[in-house]
Amino acid sequence: MRNIALKLTYNGTAYHGWQVQKNAASVCETLQKAISKVCGEPVHLTGCGRTDAGVHAERYVANFRTESRIPIDRMPYAINTHTPEDIAVREAVEVGEDFNAIGSCVKKEYTYRIYNSRFKNPFYVNRAYFYPKRLDEDFLNQAAHMFVGTHDFRAVRSVGTETKTTVRTIYWCDVTRSGDLLELRVCADGFLYNMVRAITGTLLYAAEGKFAPEDIPAILESGDRTLAGPTVPPGALYLTRIWYEDERLNE
């Protein structure tokens, strides 16, 4: 039995997230069907995380076990002949028996993109959040840095998947601008449900003067979701980087 890790990318607009759903299309189910056709047997995919409905992944890793002997270098091309245009396997890697895409993941980075212009752009629909009021990226960056460190992040998560603890470590939380496009990059050892989207909403609330960046530590300390900003839409969120001890999966 081989353990295969796939490095893939997908546009999540048409899907109800990564996780298999009873009555809605998911990235996982779509990809499992394609792999099963190639391997000639049912397969079960384990993904590196649960991306929500409409969320994209520029980098994603999932693993499955198979008896198929198809050469590893041919596997991406074979699978891609059975996937829709919005899902693509970039590489396949044979990994150790104990590898698990989510359990072996060391840290992840999500990026939230804001199209900050007076006029909307049709090409950013479901790709970036349109925000017409001018934003000061230096101010946003100052506020973003307040999230860095090990904290209880209950105040910036939505009610959803239960976890043993809501404590996480954020390694960086930075805002940059390129023309009209703002990017918030957040890297952590794990994420709570809607955490990055709630952090983004909190930064925008600070930019609107509803509280100061210096108030964010107290909001986190309170654990009160109502004190933080709103959960912004999913279509502007991307999983952009993943880290494993196996360096082959980090490229």
Protein backbone atom coordinates (compact mmCIF):
# COMPACT_ATOMS: atom_id res chain seq x y z
CA MET A 1 0.00 0.00 0.00
CA ARG A 2 1.47 3.34 -1.09
CA ASN A 3 0.87 6.62 0.69
CA ILE A 4 0.67 9.41 -1.90
CA ALA A 5 0.70 13.15 -1.14
CA LEU A 6 -0.70 15.47 -3.80
CA LYS A 7 0.28 19.13 -4.12
CA LEU A 8 -2.66 20.90 -5.67
CA THR A 9 -4.34 24.23 -6.29
CA TYR A 10 -7.99 25.12 -6.70
CA ASN A 11 -10.49 27.89 -7.21
CA GLY A 12 -13.13 27.33 -4.55
CA THR A 13 -15.94 29.46 -6.01
CA ALA A 14 -18.04 26.53 -7.23
CA TYR A 15 -17.54 24.37 -4.12
CA HIS A 16 -18.95 24.13 -0.65
CA GLY A 17 -15.45 23.98 0.79
CA TRP A 18 -12.92 21.16 0.92
CA GLN A 19 -14.83 18.75 3.16
CA VAL A 20 -17.23 16.20 1.64
CA GLN A 21 -20.85 17.37 1.99
CA LYS A 22 -24.08 15.35 1.77
CA ASN A 23 -25.90 17.68 -0.62
CA ALA A 24 -23.30 20.00 -2.08
CA ALA A 25 -20.23 19.76 -4.31
CA SER A 26 -16.89 19.78 -2.48
CA VAL A 27 -13.28 19.88 -3.64
CA CYS A 28 -12.47 16.66 -1.78
CA GLU A 29 -15.29 14.62 -3.31
CA THR A 30 -14.58 15.93 -6.82
CA LEU A 31 -10.90 15.03 -6.50
CA GLN A 32 -11.59 11.62 -4.92
CA LYS A 33 -13.73 10.65 -7.90
CA ALA A 34 -10.96 11.65 -10.31
CA ILE A 35 -8.29 9.72 -8.38
CA SER A 36 -10.52 6.64 -8.14
CA LYS A 37 -10.86 6.58 -11.93
CA VAL A 38 -7.08 6.70 -12.32
CA CYS A 39 -6.26 4.17 -9.59
CA GLY A 40 -9.15 1.82 -10.34
CA GLU A 41 -10.27 1.68 -6.72
CA PRO A 42 -12.09 3.87 -4.17
CA VAL A 43 -9.77 6.26 -2.32
CA HIS A 44 -10.10 8.42 0.78
CA LEU A 45 -8.38 11.82 0.72
CA THR A 46 -7.11 13.55 3.85
CA GLY A 47 -6.66 17.28 3.32
CA CYS A 48 -4.33 19.67 5.12
CA GLY A 49 -7.29 21.72 6.39
CA ARG A 50 -10.97 22.56 6.01
CA THR A 51 -11.31 25.50 3.64
CA ASP A 52 -14.82 26.97 3.77
CA ALA A 53 -17.29 27.41 0.91
CA GLY A 54 -15.89 29.78 -1.70
CA VAL A 55 -12.35 29.84 -0.28
CA HIS A 56 -9.43 29.19 -2.65
CA ALA A 57 -6.10 27.41 -2.30
CA GLU A 58 -2.96 28.41 -4.19
CA ARG A 59 -1.16 25.69 -2.25
CA TYR A 60 -2.83 22.63 -0.76
CA VAL A 61 -1.69 19.13 0.22
CA ALA A 62 -3.84 16.01 0.50
CA ASN A 63 -2.83 12.38 0.87
CA PHE A 64 -4.40 9.00 0.08
CA ARG A 65 -3.43 5.35 0.13
CA THR A 66 -3.61 3.09 -2.90
CA GLU A 67 -2.59 -0.30 -4.26
CA SER A 68 -2.19 1.23 -7.73
CA ARG A 69 1.29 0.99 -9.27
CA ILE A 70 0.92 3.95 -11.60
CA PRO A 71 4.29 5.80 -11.76
CA ILE A 72 4.38 8.78 -9.42
CA ASP A 73 5.47 11.21 -12.15
CA ARG A 74 2.49 10.29 -14.33
CA MET A 75 -0.09 10.58 -11.59
CA PRO A 76 -0.73 14.39 -11.74
CA TYR A 77 -1.33 14.32 -15.50
CA ALA A 78 -3.60 11.29 -15.23
CA ILE A 79 -5.68 12.81 -12.40
CA ASN A 80 -5.93 16.19 -14.14
CA THR A 81 -7.60 14.59 -17.16
CA HIS A 82 -10.55 13.79 -14.85
CA THR A 83 -10.78 17.05 -12.85
CA PRO A 84 -12.66 20.23 -13.81
CA GLU A 85 -10.69 23.31 -14.81
CA ASP A 86 -10.84 24.81 -11.32
CA ILE A 87 -8.89 21.98 -9.64
CA ALA A 88 -5.34 21.04 -10.64
CA VAL A 89 -2.78 18.62 -9.20
CA ARG A 90 0.72 20.11 -9.50
CA GLU A 91 2.79 17.20 -8.20
CA ALA A 92 2.54 13.78 -6.54
CA VAL A 93 5.01 12.62 -3.90
CA GLU A 94 5.30 9.18 -2.32
CA VAL A 95 5.50 9.74 1.43
CA GLY A 96 6.04 7.63 4.55
CA GLU A 97 3.34 5.41 6.00
CA ASP A 98 2.89 7.73 9.00
CA PHE A 99 2.36 10.88 6.91
CA ASN A 100 -1.00 12.60 7.32
CA ALA A 101 -1.71 15.84 5.43
CA ILE A 102 -3.34 17.57 8.37
CA GLY A 103 -1.59 15.90 11.30
CA SER A 104 1.88 16.33 9.81
CA CYS A 105 1.33 20.00 8.90
CA VAL A 106 3.58 22.31 10.95
CA LYS A 107 2.07 25.68 10.00
CA LYS A 108 -0.04 27.37 7.34
CA GLU A 109 -0.41 30.80 5.79
CA TYR A 110 -3.68 32.32 4.60
CA THR A 111 -3.93 35.50 2.54
CA TYR A 112 -6.96 37.78 2.42
CA ARG A 113 -7.10 40.16 -0.57
CA ILE A 114 -8.90 43.50 -0.57
CA TYR A 115 -9.52 45.47 -3.74
CA ASN A 116 -9.27 49.01 -2.38
CA SER A 117 -10.51 51.33 -5.12
CA ARG A 118 -13.32 53.82 -5.64
CA PHE A 119 -14.64 51.70 -8.50
CA LYS A 120 -15.42 48.00 -8.47
CA ASN A 121 -13.52 45.65 -10.77
CA PRO A 122 -15.47 42.78 -12.40
CA PHE A 123 -12.29 40.69 -12.63
CA TYR A 124 -12.00 40.59 -8.84
CA VAL A 125 -15.49 39.18 -8.25
CA ASN A 126 -15.05 36.20 -5.89
CA ARG A 127 -11.30 36.94 -5.93
CA ALA A 128 -10.91 40.00 -3.69
CA TYR A 129 -13.13 41.95 -1.29
CA PHE A 130 -14.20 45.28 -2.78
CA TYR A 131 -13.71 48.09 -0.26
CA PRO A 132 -14.16 51.56 -1.82
CA LYS A 133 -13.05 53.75 1.11
CA ARG A 134 -9.31 54.47 1.03
CA LEU A 135 -7.38 52.34 3.51
CA ASP A 136 -4.03 53.20 5.11
CA GLU A 137 -1.95 50.04 4.86
CA ASP A 138 0.52 51.27 7.50
CA PHE A 139 -2.32 51.72 9.99
CA LEU A 140 -3.73 48.29 9.10
CA ASN A 141 -0.29 46.75 9.50
CA GLN A 142 0.05 48.31 12.95
CA ALA A 143 -3.30 46.80 13.93
CA ALA A 144 -2.44 43.44 12.33
CA HIS A 145 0.72 43.10 14.42
CA MET A 146 -1.44 43.08 17.57
CA PHE A 147 -2.54 39.54 16.67
CA VAL A 148 1.00 38.13 16.59
CA GLY A 149 1.91 35.70 19.38
CA THR A 150 0.21 32.95 21.34
CA HIS A 151 -3.32 33.93 22.33
CA ASP A 152 -6.79 32.56 22.90
CA PHE A 153 -8.50 33.55 19.64
CA ARG A 154 -12.11 32.87 20.66
CA ALA A 155 -12.98 36.52 19.95
CA VAL A 156 -12.18 36.06 16.25
CA ARG A 157 -13.82 32.77 15.43
CA SER A 158 -17.31 31.83 14.35
CA VAL A 159 -19.32 29.10 16.00
CA GLY A 160 -18.62 25.95 14.02
CA THR A 161 -16.23 23.03 14.29
CA GLU A 162 -15.44 22.30 17.93
CA THR A 163 -11.78 22.19 18.96
CA LYS A 164 -10.02 21.07 22.12
CA THR A 165 -8.51 24.51 22.56
CA THR A 166 -8.92 27.95 20.99
CA VAL A 167 -5.31 28.90 21.75
CA ARG A 168 -3.16 29.33 18.65
CA THR A 169 0.19 30.90 17.78
CA ILE A 170 0.35 33.47 15.00
CA TYR A 171 3.88 33.86 13.63
CA TRP A 172 3.16 36.83 11.39
CA CYS A 173 0.19 39.00 10.48
CA ASP A 174 1.14 41.61 7.89
CA VAL A 175 -0.61 43.94 5.46
CA THR A 176 0.99 45.03 2.18
CA ARG A 177 -0.25 47.05 -0.79
CA SER A 178 0.39 46.68 -4.52
CA GLY A 179 -1.57 49.35 -6.38
CA ASP A 180 -5.22 48.94 -5.45
CA LEU A 181 -4.72 45.45 -4.02
CA LEU A 182 -4.15 44.98 -0.30
CA GLU A 183 -3.01 41.63 1.09
CA LEU A 184 -3.28 40.45 4.68
CA ARG A 185 -1.00 37.46 5.24
CA VAL A 186 -1.47 35.43 8.42
CA CYS A 187 0.76 32.48 9.33
CA ALA A 188 -0.09 30.28 12.32
CA ASP A 189 0.29 26.79 13.74
CA GLY A 190 -3.46 26.36 13.24
CA PHE A 191 -6.64 28.30 12.54
CA LEU A 192 -10.08 28.42 14.08
CA TYR A 193 -13.32 28.53 12.07
CA ASN A 194 -13.44 31.81 10.09
CA MET A 195 -10.48 33.14 12.08
CA VAL A 196 -8.69 35.00 9.24
CA ARG A 197 -11.93 36.47 7.93
CA ALA A 198 -12.79 37.72 11.44
CA ILE A 199 -9.29 39.16 11.89
CA THR A 200 -9.72 41.00 8.57
CA GLY A 201 -13.09 42.37 9.67
CA THR A 202 -11.51 43.51 12.95
CA LEU A 203 -8.76 45.38 11.07
CA LEU A 204 -11.37 47.10 8.91
CA TYR A 205 -13.34 48.10 12.02
CA ALA A 206 -10.15 49.64 13.42
CA ALA A 207 -9.61 51.49 10.12
CA GLU A 208 -13.16 52.85 10.43
CA GLY A 209 -12.31 54.26 13.86
CA LYS A 210 -14.51 51.91 15.88
CA PHE A 211 -11.54 51.09 18.11
CA ALA A 212 -7.78 51.65 18.15
CA PRO A 213 -5.14 49.05 17.28
CA GLU A 214 -4.09 49.15 20.94
CA ASP A 215 -7.56 47.89 21.90
CA ILE A 216 -7.12 44.58 20.04
CA PRO A 217 -5.20 42.73 22.84
CA ALA A 218 -8.07 43.49 25.25
CA ILE A 219 -10.61 42.27 22.69
CA LEU A 220 -8.68 38.98 22.39
CA GLU A 221 -8.39 38.74 26.18
CA SER A 222 -12.17 39.14 26.53
CA GLY A 223 -12.92 36.17 24.29
CA ASP A 224 -16.09 38.03 23.25
CA ARG A 225 -16.87 37.63 19.53
CA THR A 226 -19.23 40.63 19.60
CA LEU A 227 -16.39 43.02 20.45
CA ALA A 228 -14.35 42.19 17.34
CA GLY A 229 -15.13 43.05 13.71
CA PRO A 230 -17.42 41.16 11.33
CA THR A 231 -16.59 38.04 9.35
CA VAL A 232 -15.79 39.28 5.83
CA PRO A 233 -16.83 37.29 2.70
CA PRO A 234 -14.98 34.06 1.78
CA GLY A 235 -14.18 34.65 -1.90
CA ALA A 236 -11.13 36.79 -1.12
CA LEU A 237 -9.45 34.20 1.11
CA TYR A 238 -6.63 31.95 -0.13
CA LEU A 239 -4.52 29.24 1.46
CA THR A 240 -1.13 30.38 0.17
CA ARG A 241 1.60 28.38 1.95
CA ILE A 242 1.97 25.14 3.93
CA TRP A 243 4.95 23.77 5.83
CA TYR A 244 5.96 20.16 6.51
CA GLU A 245 9.07 18.46 7.84
CA ASP A 246 9.26 16.76 4.43
CA GLU A 247 10.81 19.61 2.41
CA ARG A 248 9.51 18.16 -0.87
CA LEU A 249 6.01 19.29 0.08
CA ASN A 250 6.99 22.89 0.88
CA GLU A 251 7.90 23.96 -2.64
